Amino acid sequence: MYYIKPVLSLEGFKKKSVIYSIRIDKNYRRKNYGEKLLKESIKEMKLNGISSILLYVNTKNLPAIRLYEKMGFKRNVEIKDICGTKEICYEMELKIL
């Protein structure tokens, strides 16, 4: 699930999306379903004119971080309390347009 976040730039409004929920049942992990789901989501966002995708992932969630980096996401900053109280997460971004 994601939502679209309009961002004002020198070229006018750009559309960014923020993925706020992506989850694979533990019985189906490590079978490429997460990668397939993410690829299809990125395709849909491209069709909708999204310029970049943001997501937040717990710094301890190494499998998810590896997947996002494999898909081209880059770490921007560490943020406290956005993924839960006293948790530290990375903001990650993928520029697609």
PDB file of N, CA and C in Angstrom:
ATOM      1  N   MET A   1       0.838  -1.169   0.000  1.00  0.00           N
ATOM      2  CA  MET A   1       0.000   0.000   0.000  1.00  0.00           C
ATOM      3  C   MET A   1       0.886   1.235   0.000  1.00  0.00           C
ATOM      4  N   TYR A   2       0.457   2.215  -0.721  1.00  0.00           N
ATOM      5  CA  TYR A   2       1.215   3.453  -0.778  1.00  0.00           C
ATOM      6  C   TYR A   2       0.256   4.620  -0.942  1.00  0.00           C
ATOM      7  N   TYR A   3       0.773   5.799  -0.682  1.00  0.00           N
ATOM      8  CA  TYR A   3      -0.005   6.994  -0.953  1.00  0.00           C
ATOM      9  C   TYR A   3       0.854   7.955  -1.746  1.00  0.00           C
ATOM     10  N   ILE A   4       0.200   8.873  -2.448  1.00  0.00           N
ATOM     11  CA  ILE A   4       0.903   9.842  -3.293  1.00  0.00           C
ATOM     12  C   ILE A   4       1.050  11.143  -2.523  1.00  0.00           C
ATOM     13  N   LYS A   5       2.261  11.688  -2.604  1.00  0.00           N
ATOM     14  CA  LYS A   5       2.603  12.907  -1.871  1.00  0.00           C
ATOM     15  C   LYS A   5       3.067  13.947  -2.893  1.00  0.00           C
ATOM     16  N   PRO A   6       2.250  14.975  -3.179  1.00  0.00           N
ATOM     17  CA  PRO A   6       2.697  16.009  -4.111  1.00  0.00           C
ATOM     18  C   PRO A   6       3.822  16.840  -3.497  1.00  0.00           C
ATOM     19  N   VAL A   7       4.841  17.126  -4.295  1.00  0.00           N
ATOM     20  CA  VAL A   7       5.994  17.892  -3.827  1.00  0.00           C
ATOM     21  C   VAL A   7       6.225  19.050  -4.793  1.00  0.00           C
ATOM     22  N   LEU A   8       6.322  20.245  -4.266  1.00  0.00           N
ATOM     23  CA  LEU A   8       6.572  21.427  -5.087  1.00  0.00           C
ATOM     24  C   LEU A   8       8.061  21.523  -5.398  1.00  0.00           C
ATOM     25  N   SER A   9       8.381  21.711  -6.680  1.00  0.00           N
ATOM     26  CA  SER A   9       9.771  21.878  -7.091  1.00  0.00           C
ATOM     27  C   SER A   9       9.843  23.056  -8.057  1.00  0.00           C
ATOM     28  N   LEU A  10      11.032  23.371  -8.528  1.00  0.00           N
ATOM     29  CA  LEU A  10      11.196  24.469  -9.481  1.00  0.00           C
ATOM     30  C   LEU A  10      10.478  24.189 -10.799  1.00  0.00           C
ATOM     31  N   GLU A  11      10.289  22.920 -11.127  1.00  0.00           N
ATOM     32  CA  GLU A  11       9.587  22.533 -12.357  1.00  0.00           C
ATOM     33  C   GLU A  11       8.080  22.425 -12.159  1.00  0.00           C
ATOM     34  N   GLY A  12       7.582  22.701 -10.981  1.00  0.00           N
ATOM     35  CA  GLY A  12       6.164  22.547 -10.676  1.00  0.00           C
ATOM     36  C   GLY A  12       5.973  21.417  -9.683  1.00  0.00           C
ATOM     37  N   PHE A  13       4.789  20.845  -9.677  1.00  0.00           N
ATOM     38  CA  PHE A  13       4.514  19.741  -8.758  1.00  0.00           C
ATOM     39  C   PHE A  13       5.053  18.436  -9.318  1.00  0.00           C
ATOM     40  N   LYS A  14       5.668  17.669  -8.441  1.00  0.00           N
ATOM     41  CA  LYS A  14       6.082  16.311  -8.758  1.00  0.00           C
ATOM     42  C   LYS A  14       5.328  15.393  -7.818  1.00  0.00           C
ATOM     43  N   LYS A  15       5.106  14.178  -8.276  1.00  0.00           N
ATOM     44  CA  LYS A  15       4.413  13.215  -7.433  1.00  0.00           C
ATOM     45  C   LYS A  15       5.426  12.212  -6.886  1.00  0.00           C
ATOM     46  N   LYS A  16       5.487  12.130  -5.570  1.00  0.00           N
ATOM     47  CA  LYS A  16       6.266  11.096  -4.902  1.00  0.00           C
ATOM     48  C   LYS A  16       5.262  10.148  -4.266  1.00  0.00           C
ATOM     49  N   SER A  17       5.664   8.911  -4.120  1.00  0.00           N
ATOM     50  CA  SER A  17       4.808   7.994  -3.379  1.00  0.00           C
ATOM     51  C   SER A  17       5.559   7.528  -2.147  1.00  0.00           C
ATOM     52  N   VAL A  18       4.802   7.178  -1.149  1.00  0.00           N
ATOM     53  CA  VAL A  18       5.370   6.655   0.087  1.00  0.00           C
ATOM     54  C   VAL A  18       4.744   5.286   0.318  1.00  0.00           C
ATOM     55  N   ILE A  19       5.588   4.260   0.303  1.00  0.00           N
ATOM     56  CA  ILE A  19       5.104   2.915   0.623  1.00  0.00           C
ATOM     57  C   ILE A  19       5.026   2.843   2.140  1.00  0.00           C
ATOM     58  N   TYR A  20       3.834   2.609   2.640  1.00  0.00           N
ATOM     59  CA  TYR A  20       3.718   2.537   4.093  1.00  0.00           C
ATOM     60  C   TYR A  20       3.413   1.130   4.580  1.00  0.00           C
ATOM     61  N   SER A  21       3.216   0.198   3.664  1.00  0.00           N
ATOM     62  CA  SER A  21       3.012  -1.175   4.102  1.00  0.00           C
ATOM     63  C   SER A  21       3.321  -2.134   2.966  1.00  0.00           C
ATOM     64  N   ILE A  22       4.239  -3.016   3.226  1.00  0.00           N
ATOM     65  CA  ILE A  22       4.519  -4.126   2.320  1.00  0.00           C
ATOM     66  C   ILE A  22       4.907  -5.294   3.216  1.00  0.00           C
ATOM     67  N   ARG A  23       4.227  -6.388   3.034  1.00  0.00           N
ATOM     68  CA  ARG A  23       4.456  -7.513   3.936  1.00  0.00           C
ATOM     69  C   ARG A  23       4.184  -8.812   3.194  1.00  0.00           C
ATOM     70  N   ILE A  24       5.052  -9.768   3.412  1.00  0.00           N
ATOM     71  CA  ILE A  24       4.900 -11.109   2.857  1.00  0.00           C
ATOM     72  C   ILE A  24       4.737 -12.075   4.028  1.00  0.00           C
ATOM     73  N   ASP A  25       3.736 -12.921   3.952  1.00  0.00           N
ATOM     74  CA  ASP A  25       3.510 -13.930   4.985  1.00  0.00           C
ATOM     75  C   ASP A  25       4.791 -14.731   5.197  1.00  0.00           C
ATOM     76  N   LYS A  26       5.098 -15.033   6.450  1.00  0.00           N
ATOM     77  CA  LYS A  26       6.375 -15.699   6.759  1.00  0.00           C
ATOM     78  C   LYS A  26       6.520 -17.047   6.063  1.00  0.00           C
ATOM     79  N   ASN A  27       5.422 -17.693   5.702  1.00  0.00           N
ATOM     80  CA  ASN A  27       5.489 -18.971   4.994  1.00  0.00           C
ATOM     81  C   ASN A  27       5.908 -18.818   3.528  1.00  0.00           C
ATOM     82  N   TYR A  28       5.882 -17.577   3.008  1.00  0.00           N
ATOM     83  CA  TYR A  28       6.200 -17.342   1.604  1.00  0.00           C
ATOM     84  C   TYR A  28       7.456 -16.480   1.416  1.00  0.00           C
ATOM     85  N   ARG A  29       8.155 -16.202   2.489  1.00  0.00           N
ATOM     86  CA  ARG A  29       9.377 -15.396   2.390  1.00  0.00           C
ATOM     87  C   ARG A  29      10.495 -16.222   1.782  1.00  0.00           C
ATOM     88  N   ARG A  30      11.477 -15.517   1.207  1.00  0.00           N
ATOM     89  CA  ARG A  30      12.636 -16.126   0.549  1.00  0.00           C
ATOM     90  C   ARG A  30      12.246 -16.951  -0.680  1.00  0.00           C
ATOM     91  N   LYS A  31      11.135 -16.557  -1.315  1.00  0.00           N
ATOM     92  CA  LYS A  31      10.683 -17.233  -2.532  1.00  0.00           C
ATOM     93  C   LYS A  31      10.454 -16.221  -3.654  1.00  0.00           C
ATOM     94  N   ASN A  32      11.015 -15.038  -3.511  1.00  0.00           N
ATOM     95  CA  ASN A  32      10.951 -13.951  -4.500  1.00  0.00           C
ATOM     96  C   ASN A  32       9.591 -13.269  -4.621  1.00  0.00           C
ATOM     97  N   TYR A  33       8.646 -13.560  -3.739  1.00  0.00           N
ATOM     98  CA  TYR A  33       7.355 -12.890  -3.799  1.00  0.00           C
ATOM     99  C   TYR A  33       7.487 -11.401  -3.463  1.00  0.00           C
ATOM    100  N   GLY A  34       8.343 -11.075  -2.493  1.00  0.00           N
ATOM    101  CA  GLY A  34       8.547  -9.671  -2.139  1.00  0.00           C
ATOM    102  C   GLY A  34       9.111  -8.879  -3.305  1.00  0.00           C
ATOM    103  N   GLU A  35      10.084  -9.456  -3.992  1.00  0.00           N
ATOM    104  CA  GLU A  35      10.679  -8.790  -5.149  1.00  0.00           C
ATOM    105  C   GLU A  35       9.644  -8.614  -6.264  1.00  0.00           C
ATOM    106  N   LYS A  36       8.859  -9.649  -6.526  1.00  0.00           N
ATOM    107  CA  LYS A  36       7.827  -9.564  -7.568  1.00  0.00           C
ATOM    108  C   LYS A  36       6.784  -8.503  -7.218  1.00  0.00           C
ATOM    109  N   LEU A  37       6.360  -8.486  -5.970  1.00  0.00           N
ATOM    110  CA  LEU A  37       5.376  -7.499  -5.523  1.00  0.00           C
ATOM    111  C   LEU A  37       5.925  -6.084  -5.675  1.00  0.00           C
ATOM    112  N   LEU A  38       7.166  -5.893  -5.282  1.00  0.00           N
ATOM    113  CA  LEU A  38       7.784  -4.573  -5.379  1.00  0.00           C
ATOM    114  C   LEU A  38       7.946  -4.145  -6.838  1.00  0.00           C
ATOM    115  N   LYS A  39       8.378  -5.070  -7.708  1.00  0.00           N
ATOM    116  CA  LYS A  39       8.536  -4.743  -9.132  1.00  0.00           C
ATOM    117  C   LYS A  39       7.209  -4.316  -9.750  1.00  0.00           C
ATOM    118  N   GLU A  40       6.143  -5.042  -9.449  1.00  0.00           N
ATOM    119  CA  GLU A  40       4.830  -4.692  -9.996  1.00  0.00           C
ATOM    120  C   GLU A  40       4.342  -3.352  -9.453  1.00  0.00           C
ATOM    121  N   SER A  41       4.608  -3.089  -8.188  1.00  0.00           N
ATOM    122  CA  SER A  41       4.219  -1.804  -7.587  1.00  0.00           C
ATOM    123  C   SER A  41       4.968  -0.655  -8.251  1.00  0.00           C
ATOM    124  N   ILE A  42       6.249  -0.852  -8.519  1.00  0.00           N
ATOM    125  CA  ILE A  42       7.052   0.189  -9.175  1.00  0.00           C
ATOM    126  C   ILE A  42       6.534   0.442 -10.589  1.00  0.00           C
ATOM    127  N   LYS A  43       6.173  -0.615 -11.314  1.00  0.00           N
ATOM    128  CA  LYS A  43       5.603  -0.456 -12.660  1.00  0.00           C
ATOM    129  C   LYS A  43       4.340   0.393 -12.611  1.00  0.00           C
ATOM    130  N   GLU A  44       3.469   0.086 -11.652  1.00  0.00           N
ATOM    131  CA  GLU A  44       2.216   0.837 -11.515  1.00  0.00           C
ATOM    132  C   GLU A  44       2.493   2.308 -11.207  1.00  0.00           C
ATOM    133  N   MET A  45       3.453   2.549 -10.318  1.00  0.00           N
ATOM    134  CA  MET A  45       3.773   3.929  -9.955  1.00  0.00           C
ATOM    135  C   MET A  45       4.343   4.690 -11.141  1.00  0.00           C
ATOM    136  N   LYS A  46       5.162   4.038 -11.961  1.00  0.00           N
ATOM    137  CA  LYS A  46       5.681   4.683 -13.177  1.00  0.00           C
ATOM    138  C   LYS A  46       4.535   5.097 -14.090  1.00  0.00           C
ATOM    139  N   LEU A  47       3.571   4.205 -14.272  1.00  0.00           N
ATOM    140  CA  LEU A  47       2.414   4.509 -15.115  1.00  0.00           C
ATOM    141  C   LEU A  47       1.614   5.694 -14.584  1.00  0.00           C
ATOM    142  N   ASN A  48       1.650   5.889 -13.278  1.00  0.00           N
ATOM    143  CA  ASN A  48       0.924   6.998 -12.651  1.00  0.00           C
ATOM    144  C   ASN A  48       1.755   8.273 -12.527  1.00  0.00           C
ATOM    145  N   GLY A  49       2.930   8.303 -13.160  1.00  0.00           N
ATOM    146  CA  GLY A  49       3.737   9.524 -13.188  1.00  0.00           C
ATOM    147  C   GLY A  49       4.459   9.845 -11.895  1.00  0.00           C
ATOM    148  N   ILE A  50       4.713   8.837 -11.084  1.00  0.00           N
ATOM    149  CA  ILE A  50       5.438   9.047  -9.826  1.00  0.00           C
ATOM    150  C   ILE A  50       6.910   9.283 -10.152  1.00  0.00           C
ATOM    151  N   SER A  51       7.513  10.281  -9.519  1.00  0.00           N
ATOM    152  CA  SER A  51       8.927  10.594  -9.803  1.00  0.00           C
ATOM    153  C   SER A  51       9.887   9.863  -8.869  1.00  0.00           C
ATOM    154  N   SER A  52       9.450   9.564  -7.656  1.00  0.00           N
ATOM    155  CA  SER A  52      10.293   8.802  -6.740  1.00  0.00           C
ATOM    156  C   SER A  52       9.421   8.128  -5.679  1.00  0.00           C
ATOM    157  N   ILE A  53      10.006   7.084  -5.098  1.00  0.00           N
ATOM    158  CA  ILE A  53       9.304   6.287  -4.101  1.00  0.00           C
ATOM    159  C   ILE A  53      10.096   6.335  -2.794  1.00  0.00           C
ATOM    160  N   LEU A  54       9.405   6.629  -1.712  1.00  0.00           N
ATOM    161  CA  LEU A  54      10.006   6.620  -0.380  1.00  0.00           C
ATOM    162  C   LEU A  54       9.441   5.458   0.411  1.00  0.00           C
ATOM    163  N   LEU A  55      10.252   4.930   1.306  1.00  0.00           N
ATOM    164  CA  LEU A  55       9.771   3.945   2.269  1.00  0.00           C
ATOM    165  C   LEU A  55      10.635   4.041   3.508  1.00  0.00           C
ATOM    166  N   TYR A  56      10.141   3.473   4.582  1.00  0.00           N
ATOM    167  CA  TYR A  56      10.847   3.481   5.859  1.00  0.00           C
ATOM    168  C   TYR A  56      10.990   2.036   6.311  1.00  0.00           C
ATOM    169  N   VAL A  57      12.204   1.658   6.704  1.00  0.00           N
ATOM    170  CA  VAL A  57      12.473   0.282   7.104  1.00  0.00           C
ATOM    171  C   VAL A  57      13.337   0.289   8.358  1.00  0.00           C
ATOM    172  N   ASN A  58      13.003  -0.587   9.285  1.00  0.00           N
ATOM    173  CA  ASN A  58      13.768  -0.702  10.526  1.00  0.00           C
ATOM    174  C   ASN A  58      15.217  -1.072  10.202  1.00  0.00           C
ATOM    175  N   THR A  59      16.154  -0.419  10.865  1.00  0.00           N
ATOM    176  CA  THR A  59      17.577  -0.671  10.601  1.00  0.00           C
ATOM    177  C   THR A  59      17.978  -2.107  10.922  1.00  0.00           C
ATOM    178  N   LYS A  60      17.168  -2.806  11.709  1.00  0.00           N
ATOM    179  CA  LYS A  60      17.458  -4.202  12.070  1.00  0.00           C
ATOM    180  C   LYS A  60      16.907  -5.200  11.046  1.00  0.00           C
ATOM    181  N   ASN A  61      16.090  -4.735  10.122  1.00  0.00           N
ATOM    182  CA  ASN A  61      15.441  -5.620   9.156  1.00  0.00           C
ATOM    183  C   ASN A  61      16.346  -5.804   7.929  1.00  0.00           C
ATOM    184  N   LEU A  62      17.434  -6.539   8.128  1.00  0.00           N
ATOM    185  CA  LEU A  62      18.443  -6.688   7.077  1.00  0.00           C
ATOM    186  C   LEU A  62      17.923  -7.356   5.805  1.00  0.00           C
ATOM    187  N   PRO A  63      17.064  -8.383   5.869  1.00  0.00           N
ATOM    188  CA  PRO A  63      16.556  -8.949   4.617  1.00  0.00           C
ATOM    189  C   PRO A  63      15.785  -7.933   3.773  1.00  0.00           C
ATOM    190  N   ALA A  64      14.966  -7.115   4.416  1.00  0.00           N
ATOM    191  CA  ALA A  64      14.208  -6.095   3.682  1.00  0.00           C
ATOM    192  C   ALA A  64      15.144  -5.035   3.108  1.00  0.00           C
ATOM    193  N   ILE A  65      16.122  -4.616   3.877  1.00  0.00           N
ATOM    194  CA  ILE A  65      17.075  -3.607   3.402  1.00  0.00           C
ATOM    195  C   ILE A  65      17.818  -4.136   2.177  1.00  0.00           C
ATOM    196  N   ARG A  66      18.248  -5.389   2.240  1.00  0.00           N
ATOM    197  CA  ARG A  66      18.941  -5.990   1.082  1.00  0.00           C
ATOM    198  C   ARG A  66      18.044  -6.012  -0.149  1.00  0.00           C
ATOM    199  N   LEU A  67      16.764  -6.364   0.030  1.00  0.00           N
ATOM    200  CA  LEU A  67      15.821  -6.376  -1.089  1.00  0.00           C
ATOM    201  C   LEU A  67      15.667  -4.981  -1.678  1.00  0.00           C
ATOM    202  N   TYR A  68      15.451  -3.983  -0.821  1.00  0.00           N
ATOM    203  CA  TYR A  68      15.253  -2.619  -1.311  1.00  0.00           C
ATOM    204  C   TYR A  68      16.497  -2.113  -2.033  1.00  0.00           C
ATOM    205  N   GLU A  69      17.674  -2.401  -1.499  1.00  0.00           N
ATOM    206  CA  GLU A  69      18.906  -1.970  -2.170  1.00  0.00           C
ATOM    207  C   GLU A  69      19.073  -2.700  -3.498  1.00  0.00           C
ATOM    208  N   LYS A  70      18.710  -3.966  -3.555  1.00  0.00           N
ATOM    209  CA  LYS A  70      18.768  -4.721  -4.805  1.00  0.00           C
ATOM    210  C   LYS A  70      17.860  -4.096  -5.861  1.00  0.00           C
ATOM    211  N   MET A  71      16.739  -3.540  -5.425  1.00  0.00           N
ATOM    212  CA  MET A  71      15.785  -2.903  -6.332  1.00  0.00           C
ATOM    213  C   MET A  71      16.186  -1.476  -6.688  1.00  0.00           C
ATOM    214  N   GLY A  72      17.286  -0.968  -6.095  1.00  0.00           N
ATOM    215  CA  GLY A  72      17.778   0.358  -6.447  1.00  0.00           C
ATOM    216  C   GLY A  72      17.505   1.455  -5.443  1.00  0.00           C
ATOM    217  N   PHE A  73      16.867   1.128  -4.332  1.00  0.00           N
ATOM    218  CA  PHE A  73      16.612   2.140  -3.300  1.00  0.00           C
ATOM    219  C   PHE A  73      17.926   2.528  -2.632  1.00  0.00           C
ATOM    220  N   LYS A  74      18.038   3.797  -2.279  1.00  0.00           N
ATOM    221  CA  LYS A  74      19.206   4.333  -1.577  1.00  0.00           C
ATOM    222  C   LYS A  74      18.773   4.823  -0.199  1.00  0.00           C
ATOM    223  N   ARG A  75      19.646   4.638   0.781  1.00  0.00           N
ATOM    224  CA  ARG A  75      19.368   5.137   2.134  1.00  0.00           C
ATOM    225  C   ARG A  75      19.580   6.645   2.163  1.00  0.00           C
ATOM    226  N   ASN A  76      18.603   7.370   2.714  1.00  0.00           N
ATOM    227  CA  ASN A  76      18.724   8.825   2.862  1.00  0.00           C
ATOM    228  C   ASN A  76      19.191   9.202   4.259  1.00  0.00           C
ATOM    229  N   VAL A  77      18.360   8.907   5.239  1.00  0.00           N
ATOM    230  CA  VAL A  77      18.654   9.295   6.623  1.00  0.00           C
ATOM    231  C   VAL A  77      18.121   8.239   7.579  1.00  0.00           C
ATOM    232  N   GLU A  78      18.598   8.295   8.823  1.00  0.00           N
ATOM    233  CA  GLU A  78      18.030   7.492   9.898  1.00  0.00           C
ATOM    234  C   GLU A  78      17.018   8.360  10.641  1.00  0.00           C
ATOM    235  N   ILE A  79      15.891   7.768  10.987  1.00  0.00           N
ATOM    236  CA  ILE A  79      14.825   8.512  11.667  1.00  0.00           C
ATOM    237  C   ILE A  79      14.355   7.690  12.864  1.00  0.00           C
ATOM    238  N   LYS A  80      14.222   8.352  14.013  1.00  0.00           N
ATOM    239  CA  LYS A  80      13.724   7.681  15.224  1.00  0.00           C
ATOM    240  C   LYS A  80      12.211   7.775  15.291  1.00  0.00           C
ATOM    241  N   ASP A  81      11.607   6.745  15.848  1.00  0.00           N
ATOM    242  CA  ASP A  81      10.198   6.696  16.226  1.00  0.00           C
ATOM    243  C   ASP A  81       9.203   6.690  15.066  1.00  0.00           C
ATOM    244  N   ILE A  82       9.636   6.616  13.821  1.00  0.00           N
ATOM    245  CA  ILE A  82       8.675   6.586  12.710  1.00  0.00           C
ATOM    246  C   ILE A  82       8.163   5.163  12.465  1.00  0.00           C
ATOM    247  N   CYS A  83       8.953   4.164  12.823  1.00  0.00           N
ATOM    248  CA  CYS A  83       8.572   2.760  12.635  1.00  0.00           C
ATOM    249  C   CYS A  83       8.150   2.116  13.954  1.00  0.00           C
ATOM    250  N   GLY A  84       7.991   2.903  14.963  1.00  0.00           N
ATOM    251  CA  GLY A  84       7.632   2.401  16.284  1.00  0.00           C
ATOM    252  C   GLY A  84       8.401   3.163  17.345  1.00  0.00           C
ATOM    253  N   THR A  85       7.859   3.167  18.540  1.00  0.00           N
ATOM    254  CA  THR A  85       8.486   3.889  19.640  1.00  0.00           C
ATOM    255  C   THR A  85       9.874   3.326  19.918  1.00  0.00           C
ATOM    256  N   LYS A  86      10.843   4.211  19.999  1.00  0.00           N
ATOM    257  CA  LYS A  86      12.242   3.890  20.285  1.00  0.00           C
ATOM    258  C   LYS A  86      12.904   3.021  19.214  1.00  0.00           C
ATOM    259  N   GLU A  87      12.301   2.971  18.031  1.00  0.00           N
ATOM    260  CA  GLU A  87      12.882   2.231  16.905  1.00  0.00           C
ATOM    261  C   GLU A  87      13.569   3.212  15.965  1.00  0.00           C
ATOM    262  N   ILE A  88      14.620   2.756  15.318  1.00  0.00           N
ATOM    263  CA  ILE A  88      15.333   3.575  14.337  1.00  0.00           C
ATOM    264  C   ILE A  88      15.122   2.953  12.963  1.00  0.00           C
ATOM    265  N   CYS A  89      14.733   3.781  12.014  1.00  0.00           N
ATOM    266  CA  CYS A  89      14.476   3.316  10.654  1.00  0.00           C
ATOM    267  C   CYS A  89      15.277   4.140   9.664  1.00  0.00           C
ATOM    268  N   TYR A  90      15.538   3.519   8.518  1.00  0.00           N
ATOM    269  CA  TYR A  90      16.110   4.250   7.395  1.00  0.00           C
ATOM    270  C   TYR A  90      14.969   4.765   6.533  1.00  0.00           C
ATOM    271  N   GLU A  91      15.116   6.006   6.070  1.00  0.00           N
ATOM    272  CA  GLU A  91      14.286   6.461   4.964  1.00  0.00           C
ATOM    273  C   GLU A  91      15.052   6.063   3.714  1.00  0.00           C
ATOM    274  N   MET A  92      14.395   5.340   2.818  1.00  0.00           N
ATOM    275  CA  MET A  92      15.037   4.901   1.585  1.00  0.00           C
ATOM    276  C   MET A  92      14.241   5.455   0.418  1.00  0.00           C
ATOM    277  N   GLU A  93      14.930   5.733  -0.704  1.00  0.00           N
ATOM    278  CA  GLU A  93      14.277   6.340  -1.846  1.00  0.00           C
ATOM    279  C   GLU A  93      14.741   5.701  -3.137  1.00  0.00           C
ATOM    280  N   LEU A  94      13.793   5.565  -4.066  1.00  0.00           N
ATOM    281  CA  LEU A  94      14.088   5.119  -5.415  1.00  0.00           C
ATOM    282  C   LEU A  94      13.561   6.171  -6.374  1.00  0.00           C
ATOM    283  N   LYS A  95      14.451   6.774  -7.147  1.00  0.00           N
ATOM    284  CA  LYS A  95      14.038   7.755  -8.164  1.00  0.00           C
ATOM    285  C   LYS A  95      13.729   6.987  -9.440  1.00  0.00           C
ATOM    286  N   ILE A  96      12.504   7.199  -9.974  1.00  0.00           N
ATOM    287  CA  ILE A  96      12.080   6.410 -11.123  1.00  0.00           C
ATOM    288  C   ILE A  96      11.824   7.206 -12.386  1.00  0.00           C
ATOM    289  N   LEU A  97      11.688   8.516 -12.318  1.00  0.00           N
ATOM    290  CA  LEU A  97      11.479   9.322 -13.535  1.00  0.00           C
ATOM    291  C   LEU A  97      12.539  10.379 -13.673  1.00  0.00           C
TER     292      LEU A  97
END
